[in-house]
N, C-alpha and C. Protein backbone atom coordinates (compact mmCIF):
# COMPACT_ATOMS: atom_id res chain seq x y z
N MET A 1 0.82 -1.19 0.00
CA MET A 1 0.00 0.00 0.00
C MET A 1 0.87 1.26 0.00
N PHE A 2 1.90 1.29 0.83
CA PHE A 2 2.82 2.43 0.90
C PHE A 2 3.51 2.64 -0.44
N LEU A 3 3.88 1.54 -1.11
CA LEU A 3 4.54 1.59 -2.41
C LEU A 3 3.61 2.18 -3.47
N ILE A 4 2.34 1.85 -3.41
CA ILE A 4 1.37 2.37 -4.39
C ILE A 4 1.19 3.88 -4.21
N LYS A 5 1.12 4.34 -2.97
CA LYS A 5 1.00 5.78 -2.72
C LYS A 5 2.24 6.52 -3.21
N LYS A 6 3.40 5.94 -2.96
CA LYS A 6 4.64 6.55 -3.40
C LYS A 6 4.71 6.62 -4.92
N LEU A 7 4.28 5.56 -5.59
CA LEU A 7 4.26 5.52 -7.05
C LEU A 7 3.27 6.55 -7.61
N TYR A 8 2.11 6.68 -6.96
CA TYR A 8 1.10 7.65 -7.37
C TYR A 8 1.64 9.08 -7.26
N ILE A 9 2.30 9.41 -6.18
CA ILE A 9 2.88 10.74 -6.00
C ILE A 9 3.98 10.98 -7.02
N TYR A 10 4.77 10.00 -7.29
CA TYR A 10 5.85 10.11 -8.27
C TYR A 10 5.29 10.41 -9.67
N LEU A 11 4.21 9.70 -10.04
CA LEU A 11 3.57 9.94 -11.35
C LEU A 11 2.98 11.35 -11.43
N LEU A 12 2.37 11.81 -10.35
CA LEU A 12 1.82 13.18 -10.34
C LEU A 12 2.92 14.22 -10.51
N LEU A 13 4.05 14.00 -9.86
CA LEU A 13 5.17 14.93 -9.99
C LEU A 13 5.74 14.93 -11.41
N LEU A 14 5.72 13.77 -12.06
CA LEU A 14 6.19 13.70 -13.44
C LEU A 14 5.25 14.43 -14.40
N MET A 15 3.95 14.39 -14.11
CA MET A 15 2.97 15.03 -14.99
C MET A 15 2.85 16.52 -14.76
N LEU A 16 3.30 17.03 -13.65
CA LEU A 16 3.17 18.44 -13.31
C LEU A 16 3.79 19.37 -14.35
N PRO A 17 4.99 19.12 -14.88
CA PRO A 17 5.52 20.00 -15.93
C PRO A 17 4.66 20.04 -17.18
N CYS A 18 3.98 18.95 -17.50
CA CYS A 18 3.10 18.94 -18.69
C CYS A 18 1.96 19.93 -18.53
N PHE A 19 1.38 20.01 -17.31
CA PHE A 19 0.28 20.93 -17.08
C PHE A 19 0.74 22.37 -17.11
N SER A 20 1.90 22.66 -16.61
CA SER A 20 2.37 24.04 -16.58
C SER A 20 2.75 24.54 -17.97
N VAL A 21 3.14 23.65 -18.89
CA VAL A 21 3.46 24.06 -20.26
C VAL A 21 2.19 24.54 -20.96
N GLU A 22 1.06 23.86 -20.72
CA GLU A 22 -0.19 24.29 -21.33
C GLU A 22 -0.67 25.62 -20.77
N ALA A 23 -0.41 25.87 -19.51
CA ALA A 23 -0.88 27.10 -18.89
C ALA A 23 -0.08 28.31 -19.35
N ASN A 24 1.17 28.14 -19.71
CA ASN A 24 2.01 29.25 -20.15
C ASN A 24 2.11 29.28 -21.67
N ASN A 25 1.07 29.75 -22.31
CA ASN A 25 1.04 29.87 -23.76
C ASN A 25 1.93 31.05 -24.16
N PRO A 26 2.97 30.82 -24.99
CA PRO A 26 3.87 31.92 -25.34
C PRO A 26 3.17 33.07 -26.09
N ILE A 27 2.16 32.76 -26.87
CA ILE A 27 1.44 33.83 -27.58
C ILE A 27 0.68 34.70 -26.58
N GLU A 28 0.02 34.07 -25.60
CA GLU A 28 -0.69 34.85 -24.59
C GLU A 28 0.28 35.70 -23.78
N ASN A 29 1.45 35.18 -23.50
CA ASN A 29 2.46 35.95 -22.77
C ASN A 29 2.90 37.17 -23.57
N ARG A 30 3.08 36.99 -24.87
CA ARG A 30 3.48 38.12 -25.72
C ARG A 30 2.37 39.16 -25.81
N ILE A 31 1.13 38.69 -25.88
CA ILE A 31 -0.01 39.62 -25.95
C ILE A 31 -0.11 40.43 -24.66
N SER A 32 0.05 39.78 -23.52
CA SER A 32 -0.05 40.54 -22.26
C SER A 32 1.10 41.53 -22.11
N SER A 33 2.29 41.20 -22.61
CA SER A 33 3.37 42.19 -22.55
C SER A 33 3.15 43.31 -23.56
N ALA A 34 2.53 42.99 -24.71
CA ALA A 34 2.21 44.04 -25.70
C ALA A 34 1.15 44.99 -25.14
N LYS A 35 0.19 44.47 -24.38
CA LYS A 35 -0.84 45.32 -23.77
C LYS A 35 -0.21 46.33 -22.81
N LYS A 36 0.82 45.90 -22.10
CA LYS A 36 1.48 46.78 -21.14
C LYS A 36 2.28 47.88 -21.83
N SER A 37 2.72 47.64 -23.06
CA SER A 37 3.57 48.61 -23.75
C SER A 37 2.82 49.45 -24.79
N LEU A 38 1.49 49.45 -24.74
CA LEU A 38 0.70 50.26 -25.67
C LEU A 38 0.90 51.74 -25.38
N PRO A 39 0.77 52.59 -26.42
CA PRO A 39 0.90 54.04 -26.20
C PRO A 39 -0.19 54.57 -25.26
N LYS A 40 0.09 55.70 -24.64
CA LYS A 40 -0.88 56.31 -23.75
C LYS A 40 -2.14 56.67 -24.52
N GLY A 41 -3.29 56.40 -23.93
CA GLY A 41 -4.57 56.70 -24.57
C GLY A 41 -5.08 55.59 -25.48
N ALA A 42 -4.34 54.50 -25.61
CA ALA A 42 -4.78 53.38 -26.46
C ALA A 42 -5.90 52.62 -25.76
N ARG A 43 -6.87 52.19 -26.57
CA ARG A 43 -7.98 51.37 -26.06
C ARG A 43 -7.95 50.04 -26.77
N ILE A 44 -7.90 48.97 -26.00
CA ILE A 44 -7.84 47.62 -26.56
C ILE A 44 -9.23 47.24 -27.07
N VAL A 45 -9.28 46.74 -28.31
CA VAL A 45 -10.53 46.28 -28.89
C VAL A 45 -10.66 44.78 -28.66
N VAL A 46 -9.64 44.01 -29.06
CA VAL A 46 -9.66 42.56 -28.88
C VAL A 46 -8.24 42.02 -29.06
N SER A 47 -8.00 40.87 -28.45
CA SER A 47 -6.72 40.18 -28.68
C SER A 47 -7.03 38.72 -29.02
N TYR A 48 -6.26 38.20 -29.96
CA TYR A 48 -6.41 36.82 -30.39
C TYR A 48 -5.12 36.07 -30.10
N SER A 49 -5.24 34.92 -29.46
CA SER A 49 -4.04 34.14 -29.16
C SER A 49 -4.01 32.82 -29.92
N ASP A 50 -4.87 32.68 -30.93
CA ASP A 50 -4.82 31.45 -31.72
C ASP A 50 -3.67 31.51 -32.72
N THR A 51 -3.35 30.39 -33.32
CA THR A 51 -2.19 30.32 -34.21
C THR A 51 -2.42 31.06 -35.52
N ARG A 52 -3.66 31.28 -35.88
CA ARG A 52 -3.95 31.95 -37.15
C ARG A 52 -3.89 33.47 -37.04
N ARG A 53 -4.40 34.02 -35.93
CA ARG A 53 -4.51 35.47 -35.83
C ARG A 53 -3.49 36.11 -34.88
N HIS A 54 -3.12 35.51 -33.81
CA HIS A 54 -2.11 35.99 -32.85
C HIS A 54 -1.84 37.49 -32.90
N LYS A 55 -2.94 38.27 -32.73
CA LYS A 55 -2.84 39.73 -32.85
C LYS A 55 -3.57 40.42 -31.72
N LEU A 56 -3.18 41.67 -31.54
CA LEU A 56 -3.83 42.57 -30.60
C LEU A 56 -4.35 43.75 -31.42
N TYR A 57 -5.66 44.00 -31.34
CA TYR A 57 -6.26 45.15 -32.03
C TYR A 57 -6.55 46.23 -31.00
N PHE A 58 -6.19 47.48 -31.33
CA PHE A 58 -6.41 48.59 -30.42
C PHE A 58 -6.60 49.87 -31.22
N THR A 59 -7.19 50.87 -30.56
CA THR A 59 -7.38 52.18 -31.20
C THR A 59 -6.51 53.21 -30.49
N VAL A 60 -5.98 54.13 -31.29
CA VAL A 60 -5.23 55.28 -30.80
C VAL A 60 -5.62 56.46 -31.66
N ARG A 61 -6.09 57.53 -31.02
CA ARG A 61 -6.48 58.75 -31.73
C ARG A 61 -7.31 58.47 -32.98
N ASP A 62 -8.39 57.75 -32.82
CA ASP A 62 -9.35 57.49 -33.90
C ASP A 62 -8.77 56.72 -35.08
N ARG A 63 -7.81 55.89 -34.81
CA ARG A 63 -7.27 54.98 -35.82
C ARG A 63 -7.29 53.57 -35.22
N LEU A 64 -7.48 52.56 -36.05
CA LEU A 64 -7.45 51.17 -35.61
C LEU A 64 -6.11 50.57 -36.01
N PHE A 65 -5.45 49.95 -35.04
CA PHE A 65 -4.15 49.32 -35.28
C PHE A 65 -4.22 47.86 -34.89
N SER A 66 -3.33 47.07 -35.50
CA SER A 66 -3.14 45.69 -35.07
C SER A 66 -1.66 45.49 -34.80
N TYR A 67 -1.38 44.66 -33.82
CA TYR A 67 0.00 44.35 -33.48
C TYR A 67 0.15 42.83 -33.54
N ASP A 68 0.98 42.36 -34.45
CA ASP A 68 1.24 40.93 -34.60
C ASP A 68 2.33 40.56 -33.59
N VAL A 69 1.99 39.71 -32.62
CA VAL A 69 2.94 39.41 -31.55
C VAL A 69 4.02 38.42 -31.99
N ILE A 70 3.85 37.75 -33.10
CA ILE A 70 4.88 36.84 -33.60
C ILE A 70 5.96 37.62 -34.35
N THR A 71 5.54 38.49 -35.27
CA THR A 71 6.52 39.25 -36.07
C THR A 71 6.93 40.55 -35.40
N GLY A 72 6.12 41.04 -34.45
CA GLY A 72 6.42 42.31 -33.79
C GLY A 72 6.08 43.52 -34.63
N LYS A 73 5.22 43.35 -35.65
CA LYS A 73 4.87 44.46 -36.53
C LYS A 73 3.54 45.09 -36.13
N LYS A 74 3.53 46.43 -36.09
CA LYS A 74 2.31 47.19 -35.85
C LYS A 74 1.80 47.67 -37.20
N CYS A 75 0.50 47.54 -37.42
CA CYS A 75 -0.09 47.88 -38.71
C CYS A 75 -1.30 48.77 -38.50
N ASP A 76 -1.39 49.84 -39.28
CA ASP A 76 -2.57 50.70 -39.28
C ASP A 76 -3.61 50.02 -40.16
N GLU A 77 -4.72 49.61 -39.56
CA GLU A 77 -5.77 48.91 -40.29
C GLU A 77 -6.63 49.91 -41.05
N THR A 78 -6.58 49.87 -42.35
CA THR A 78 -7.39 50.78 -43.18
C THR A 78 -8.67 50.05 -43.55
N PHE A 79 -9.66 50.18 -42.70
CA PHE A 79 -10.94 49.51 -42.92
C PHE A 79 -11.89 50.36 -43.75
N ALA A 80 -11.75 51.68 -43.70
CA ALA A 80 -12.67 52.58 -44.39
C ALA A 80 -12.09 53.00 -45.74
N THR A 81 -12.95 53.03 -46.75
CA THR A 81 -12.52 53.48 -48.08
C THR A 81 -12.74 54.98 -48.26
N THR A 82 -13.39 55.60 -47.28
CA THR A 82 -13.62 57.05 -47.32
C THR A 82 -13.05 57.67 -46.05
N LYS A 83 -12.86 58.99 -46.09
CA LYS A 83 -12.34 59.68 -44.91
C LYS A 83 -13.42 59.76 -43.84
N TYR A 84 -12.97 59.75 -42.59
CA TYR A 84 -13.88 59.90 -41.46
C TYR A 84 -13.22 60.78 -40.41
N SER A 85 -14.04 61.32 -39.53
CA SER A 85 -13.55 62.24 -38.51
C SER A 85 -13.04 61.50 -37.27
N LYS A 86 -13.85 60.54 -36.77
CA LYS A 86 -13.43 59.80 -35.58
C LYS A 86 -14.17 58.48 -35.47
N ILE A 87 -13.58 57.56 -34.70
CA ILE A 87 -14.24 56.30 -34.39
C ILE A 87 -15.09 56.54 -33.15
N LYS A 88 -16.39 56.34 -33.26
CA LYS A 88 -17.29 56.55 -32.13
C LYS A 88 -17.28 55.35 -31.20
N GLU A 89 -17.32 54.14 -31.77
CA GLU A 89 -17.43 52.94 -30.96
C GLU A 89 -16.92 51.74 -31.74
N CYS A 90 -16.32 50.79 -31.03
CA CYS A 90 -15.89 49.51 -31.61
C CYS A 90 -16.49 48.38 -30.79
N TRP A 91 -16.90 47.31 -31.45
CA TRP A 91 -17.38 46.13 -30.74
C TRP A 91 -17.17 44.91 -31.62
N LEU A 92 -17.34 43.74 -31.01
CA LEU A 92 -17.12 42.47 -31.70
C LEU A 92 -18.42 41.77 -32.01
N SER A 93 -18.40 40.94 -33.06
CA SER A 93 -19.53 40.06 -33.33
C SER A 93 -19.55 38.99 -32.24
N PRO A 94 -20.66 38.29 -32.05
CA PRO A 94 -20.74 37.29 -30.99
C PRO A 94 -19.67 36.20 -31.08
N ASP A 95 -19.26 35.83 -32.29
CA ASP A 95 -18.23 34.79 -32.43
C ASP A 95 -16.82 35.36 -32.50
N SER A 96 -16.68 36.67 -32.31
CA SER A 96 -15.39 37.39 -32.30
C SER A 96 -14.66 37.35 -33.64
N THR A 97 -15.35 37.07 -34.72
CA THR A 97 -14.74 37.06 -36.05
C THR A 97 -14.65 38.47 -36.62
N TYR A 98 -15.66 39.29 -36.38
CA TYR A 98 -15.73 40.62 -36.95
C TYR A 98 -15.54 41.70 -35.89
N ILE A 99 -14.85 42.76 -36.30
CA ILE A 99 -14.78 43.98 -35.49
C ILE A 99 -15.64 45.02 -36.20
N PHE A 100 -16.59 45.59 -35.47
CA PHE A 100 -17.44 46.65 -36.02
C PHE A 100 -16.93 47.99 -35.53
N MET A 101 -16.89 48.97 -36.43
CA MET A 101 -16.51 50.33 -36.10
C MET A 101 -17.60 51.29 -36.56
N ALA A 102 -18.17 52.02 -35.62
CA ALA A 102 -19.10 53.09 -35.96
C ALA A 102 -18.28 54.37 -36.00
N VAL A 103 -18.20 54.98 -37.18
CA VAL A 103 -17.37 56.17 -37.34
C VAL A 103 -18.25 57.39 -37.63
N ASP A 104 -17.78 58.53 -37.15
CA ASP A 104 -18.44 59.80 -37.42
C ASP A 104 -17.70 60.44 -38.59
N ASN A 105 -18.43 60.74 -39.65
CA ASN A 105 -17.81 61.31 -40.85
C ASN A 105 -17.58 62.81 -40.72
N GLY A 106 -18.26 63.45 -39.79
CA GLY A 106 -18.05 64.87 -39.53
C GLY A 106 -18.06 65.73 -40.79
N PRO A 107 -16.99 66.50 -41.04
CA PRO A 107 -16.96 67.40 -42.19
C PRO A 107 -16.86 66.67 -43.54
N PHE A 108 -16.59 65.38 -43.51
CA PHE A 108 -16.49 64.61 -44.75
C PHE A 108 -17.84 64.09 -45.23
N SER A 109 -18.88 64.40 -44.47
CA SER A 109 -20.23 63.99 -44.82
C SER A 109 -20.85 65.01 -45.76
N SER A 110 -21.52 64.53 -46.80
CA SER A 110 -22.19 65.46 -47.72
C SER A 110 -23.48 66.00 -47.11
N PHE A 111 -24.21 65.19 -46.37
CA PHE A 111 -25.44 65.59 -45.68
C PHE A 111 -25.57 64.68 -44.47
N TYR A 112 -25.44 65.23 -43.26
CA TYR A 112 -25.31 64.42 -42.04
C TYR A 112 -26.49 63.48 -41.82
N LEU A 113 -27.71 63.88 -42.13
CA LEU A 113 -28.86 63.00 -41.94
C LEU A 113 -28.78 61.76 -42.83
N ASP A 114 -28.06 61.88 -43.93
CA ASP A 114 -27.95 60.78 -44.87
C ASP A 114 -26.71 59.91 -44.61
N ASN A 115 -25.56 60.56 -44.41
CA ASN A 115 -24.31 59.79 -44.26
C ASN A 115 -23.36 60.40 -43.23
N GLY A 116 -23.91 60.86 -42.12
CA GLY A 116 -23.07 61.45 -41.07
C GLY A 116 -22.25 60.43 -40.31
N GLN A 117 -22.78 59.21 -40.19
CA GLN A 117 -22.07 58.13 -39.52
C GLN A 117 -22.10 56.90 -40.41
N THR A 118 -21.04 56.12 -40.35
CA THR A 118 -20.94 54.91 -41.16
C THR A 118 -20.55 53.74 -40.27
N LEU A 119 -21.15 52.59 -40.55
CA LEU A 119 -20.80 51.36 -39.83
C LEU A 119 -19.95 50.49 -40.75
N TRP A 120 -18.74 50.15 -40.26
CA TRP A 120 -17.81 49.30 -41.00
C TRP A 120 -17.62 47.99 -40.26
N ARG A 121 -17.35 46.94 -41.02
CA ARG A 121 -17.07 45.63 -40.44
C ARG A 121 -15.75 45.11 -40.98
N LEU A 122 -14.83 44.73 -40.10
CA LEU A 122 -13.54 44.18 -40.48
C LEU A 122 -13.52 42.70 -40.11
N ASP A 123 -13.28 41.84 -41.09
CA ASP A 123 -13.14 40.40 -40.85
C ASP A 123 -11.71 40.16 -40.39
N THR A 124 -11.53 39.69 -39.16
CA THR A 124 -10.19 39.52 -38.61
C THR A 124 -9.45 38.33 -39.20
N ARG A 125 -10.15 37.45 -39.90
CA ARG A 125 -9.48 36.30 -40.51
C ARG A 125 -8.98 36.61 -41.92
N THR A 126 -9.79 37.30 -42.71
CA THR A 126 -9.41 37.59 -44.09
C THR A 126 -8.86 39.00 -44.27
N LYS A 127 -9.02 39.87 -43.25
CA LYS A 127 -8.57 41.27 -43.27
C LYS A 127 -9.38 42.11 -44.27
N ARG A 128 -10.52 41.63 -44.70
CA ARG A 128 -11.38 42.40 -45.62
C ARG A 128 -12.37 43.22 -44.80
N SER A 129 -12.59 44.44 -45.28
CA SER A 129 -13.57 45.30 -44.61
C SER A 129 -14.75 45.54 -45.53
N ARG A 130 -15.87 45.89 -44.90
CA ARG A 130 -17.10 46.11 -45.67
C ARG A 130 -17.91 47.20 -44.99
N ARG A 131 -18.46 48.10 -45.80
CA ARG A 131 -19.36 49.13 -45.28
C ARG A 131 -20.73 48.50 -45.13
N ILE A 132 -21.25 48.49 -43.90
CA ILE A 132 -22.55 47.89 -43.62
C ILE A 132 -23.67 48.87 -43.96
N GLY A 133 -23.54 50.10 -43.53
CA GLY A 133 -24.57 51.09 -43.79
C GLY A 133 -24.17 52.44 -43.23
N GLU A 134 -24.99 53.45 -43.53
CA GLU A 134 -24.71 54.80 -43.04
C GLU A 134 -26.02 55.51 -42.75
N GLY A 135 -25.93 56.52 -41.90
CA GLY A 135 -27.09 57.28 -41.50
C GLY A 135 -26.66 58.40 -40.57
N PHE A 136 -27.61 58.93 -39.77
CA PHE A 136 -27.24 60.01 -38.86
C PHE A 136 -26.98 59.50 -37.45
N GLU A 137 -27.30 58.23 -37.16
CA GLU A 137 -27.00 57.68 -35.84
C GLU A 137 -26.88 56.16 -35.95
N ILE A 138 -25.87 55.61 -35.26
CA ILE A 138 -25.67 54.16 -35.21
C ILE A 138 -25.75 53.75 -33.76
N ILE A 139 -26.63 52.79 -33.46
CA ILE A 139 -26.85 52.34 -32.09
C ILE A 139 -26.56 50.85 -32.01
N HIS A 140 -25.65 50.49 -31.11
CA HIS A 140 -25.34 49.08 -30.87
C HIS A 140 -26.14 48.64 -29.65
N LYS A 141 -27.14 47.77 -29.88
CA LYS A 141 -27.99 47.29 -28.80
C LYS A 141 -27.58 45.86 -28.44
N LYS A 142 -28.24 45.32 -27.43
CA LYS A 142 -27.91 43.98 -26.95
C LYS A 142 -28.10 42.92 -28.04
N GLY A 143 -29.18 42.96 -28.79
CA GLY A 143 -29.47 41.92 -29.76
C GLY A 143 -29.40 42.35 -31.21
N CYS A 144 -29.08 43.61 -31.47
CA CYS A 144 -29.06 44.08 -32.86
C CYS A 144 -28.27 45.38 -32.97
N ILE A 145 -28.14 45.83 -34.22
CA ILE A 145 -27.53 47.11 -34.54
C ILE A 145 -28.58 47.92 -35.28
N VAL A 146 -28.74 49.19 -34.88
CA VAL A 146 -29.74 50.05 -35.53
C VAL A 146 -29.01 51.21 -36.20
N ILE A 147 -29.34 51.42 -37.48
CA ILE A 147 -28.83 52.59 -38.20
C ILE A 147 -30.02 53.47 -38.54
N ARG A 148 -30.00 54.68 -37.99
CA ARG A 148 -31.08 55.65 -38.24
C ARG A 148 -30.66 56.51 -39.42
N LYS A 149 -31.57 56.64 -40.39
CA LYS A 149 -31.23 57.33 -41.63
C LYS A 149 -32.42 58.14 -42.14
N ALA A 150 -32.12 59.27 -42.76
CA ALA A 150 -33.17 60.06 -43.40
C ALA A 150 -33.68 59.30 -44.61
N SER A 151 -35.01 59.32 -44.79
CA SER A 151 -35.57 58.59 -45.92
C SER A 151 -36.10 59.52 -47.02
N ARG A 152 -36.71 60.65 -46.61
CA ARG A 152 -37.20 61.59 -47.63
C ARG A 152 -37.46 62.95 -47.01
N CYS A 153 -37.42 63.95 -47.86
CA CYS A 153 -37.64 65.33 -47.43
C CYS A 153 -39.11 65.68 -47.67
N LEU A 154 -39.73 66.30 -46.67
CA LEU A 154 -41.14 66.68 -46.80
C LEU A 154 -41.32 67.98 -47.57
N ASN A 155 -40.33 68.85 -47.54
CA ASN A 155 -40.41 70.13 -48.26
C ASN A 155 -39.06 70.40 -48.95
N PRO A 156 -38.79 69.73 -50.05
CA PRO A 156 -37.47 69.83 -50.69
C PRO A 156 -37.15 71.20 -51.28
N LYS A 157 -38.16 72.04 -51.52
CA LYS A 157 -37.89 73.35 -52.11
C LYS A 157 -37.50 74.39 -51.06
N ALA A 158 -37.65 74.06 -49.79
CA ALA A 158 -37.29 74.99 -48.72
C ALA A 158 -35.78 75.03 -48.55
N GLN A 159 -35.30 76.09 -47.87
CA GLN A 159 -33.88 76.17 -47.58
C GLN A 159 -33.48 74.96 -46.73
N GLN A 160 -32.22 74.55 -46.84
CA GLN A 160 -31.77 73.35 -46.14
C GLN A 160 -31.98 73.47 -44.63
N SER A 161 -31.80 74.65 -44.06
CA SER A 161 -31.97 74.82 -42.62
C SER A 161 -33.44 74.70 -42.18
N ARG A 162 -34.38 74.86 -43.14
CA ARG A 162 -35.81 74.79 -42.81
C ARG A 162 -36.48 73.51 -43.31
N GLN A 163 -35.72 72.65 -43.92
CA GLN A 163 -36.30 71.42 -44.44
C GLN A 163 -36.73 70.49 -43.31
N LYS A 164 -37.80 69.76 -43.57
CA LYS A 164 -38.30 68.76 -42.62
C LYS A 164 -38.12 67.39 -43.26
N TRP A 165 -37.61 66.46 -42.45
CA TRP A 165 -37.25 65.14 -42.97
C TRP A 165 -37.97 64.02 -42.24
N MET A 166 -38.18 62.96 -42.99
CA MET A 166 -38.67 61.70 -42.43
C MET A 166 -37.46 60.77 -42.31
N GLY A 167 -37.46 59.94 -41.28
CA GLY A 167 -36.37 59.00 -41.08
C GLY A 167 -36.89 57.58 -40.95
N GLN A 168 -35.96 56.67 -40.98
CA GLN A 168 -36.31 55.26 -40.88
C GLN A 168 -35.18 54.54 -40.16
N ASP A 169 -35.52 53.62 -39.27
CA ASP A 169 -34.53 52.82 -38.56
C ASP A 169 -34.34 51.49 -39.28
N HIS A 170 -33.09 51.19 -39.59
CA HIS A 170 -32.74 49.93 -40.25
C HIS A 170 -32.07 49.03 -39.23
N TYR A 171 -32.60 47.83 -39.06
CA TYR A 171 -32.11 46.88 -38.06
C TYR A 171 -31.22 45.82 -38.72
N TYR A 172 -30.08 45.55 -38.07
CA TYR A 172 -29.12 44.55 -38.55
C TYR A 172 -28.87 43.55 -37.43
N ASP A 173 -28.55 42.31 -37.80
CA ASP A 173 -28.17 41.35 -36.76
C ASP A 173 -26.75 41.65 -36.29
N LEU A 174 -26.26 40.90 -35.33
CA LEU A 174 -24.95 41.18 -34.74
C LEU A 174 -23.78 40.77 -35.61
N ASN A 175 -24.06 40.24 -36.80
CA ASN A 175 -23.01 39.95 -37.78
C ASN A 175 -23.04 40.93 -38.95
N GLY A 176 -23.99 41.86 -38.94
CA GLY A 176 -24.06 42.89 -39.97
C GLY A 176 -25.00 42.62 -41.11
N LYS A 177 -25.88 41.64 -40.98
CA LYS A 177 -26.86 41.35 -42.04
C LYS A 177 -28.16 42.06 -41.69
N ILE A 178 -28.77 42.66 -42.71
CA ILE A 178 -30.00 43.43 -42.48
C ILE A 178 -31.14 42.51 -42.09
N ILE A 179 -31.91 42.95 -41.11
CA ILE A 179 -33.06 42.18 -40.65
C ILE A 179 -34.33 42.80 -41.22
N TRP A 180 -34.56 44.10 -40.92
CA TRP A 180 -35.75 44.78 -41.40
C TRP A 180 -35.61 46.28 -41.18
N ALA A 181 -36.53 47.03 -41.78
CA ALA A 181 -36.58 48.49 -41.61
C ALA A 181 -37.92 48.84 -40.99
N LYS A 182 -37.88 49.70 -40.01
CA LYS A 182 -39.08 50.12 -39.30
C LYS A 182 -39.84 51.17 -40.11
N ASP A 183 -41.05 51.49 -39.69
CA ASP A 183 -41.85 52.52 -40.35
C ASP A 183 -41.17 53.89 -40.23
N GLU A 184 -41.53 54.77 -41.15
CA GLU A 184 -40.97 56.13 -41.12
C GLU A 184 -41.48 56.93 -39.93
N TYR A 185 -40.68 57.89 -39.53
CA TYR A 185 -41.04 58.81 -38.45
C TYR A 185 -40.44 60.17 -38.80
N LYS A 186 -40.98 61.21 -38.16
CA LYS A 186 -40.51 62.58 -38.41
C LYS A 186 -39.24 62.81 -37.57
N ILE A 187 -38.19 63.28 -38.23
CA ILE A 187 -36.95 63.60 -37.54
C ILE A 187 -37.08 64.96 -36.91
N LYS A 188 -36.77 65.05 -35.61
CA LYS A 188 -36.89 66.33 -34.91
C LYS A 188 -35.58 67.03 -34.86
């Protein structure tokens, strides 16, 4: 009996290094050290420690960057094909495949009620970006994304400052696919 207990303890001690190797993932260690060395004011969006993506995504001064912890390269992610003023909000799809960026177009907007804000989606696996939609407000809710957009002008011959507009809310699922559009309402 004493010999069996001694053998059992010996086997556990032999297996202990195997468990500690799994707990100390070198990619996760590099990501945590990269997080500590980010520039001041940086906001972390997401970090991936899998063998395919091994990256840290973060924003600095309204730009999205990625840092590859294997190569040590920082890259400015150009997800938008048009100019924008600032990134309002970033969030992930439920499966963490996509990064969504709601950007404010500011002075680069031709008419704010129509295209003042734009929703972009970046696929973290293929690095392809796609414009989901645009409007005057983008709302990220618990179960969906809402883009509020002007639909038509009630008095188009009036001066722009006196025009009255109707709007419509467009609902998208959390992966960026359109679900439906709500009835029109008067924009105040």
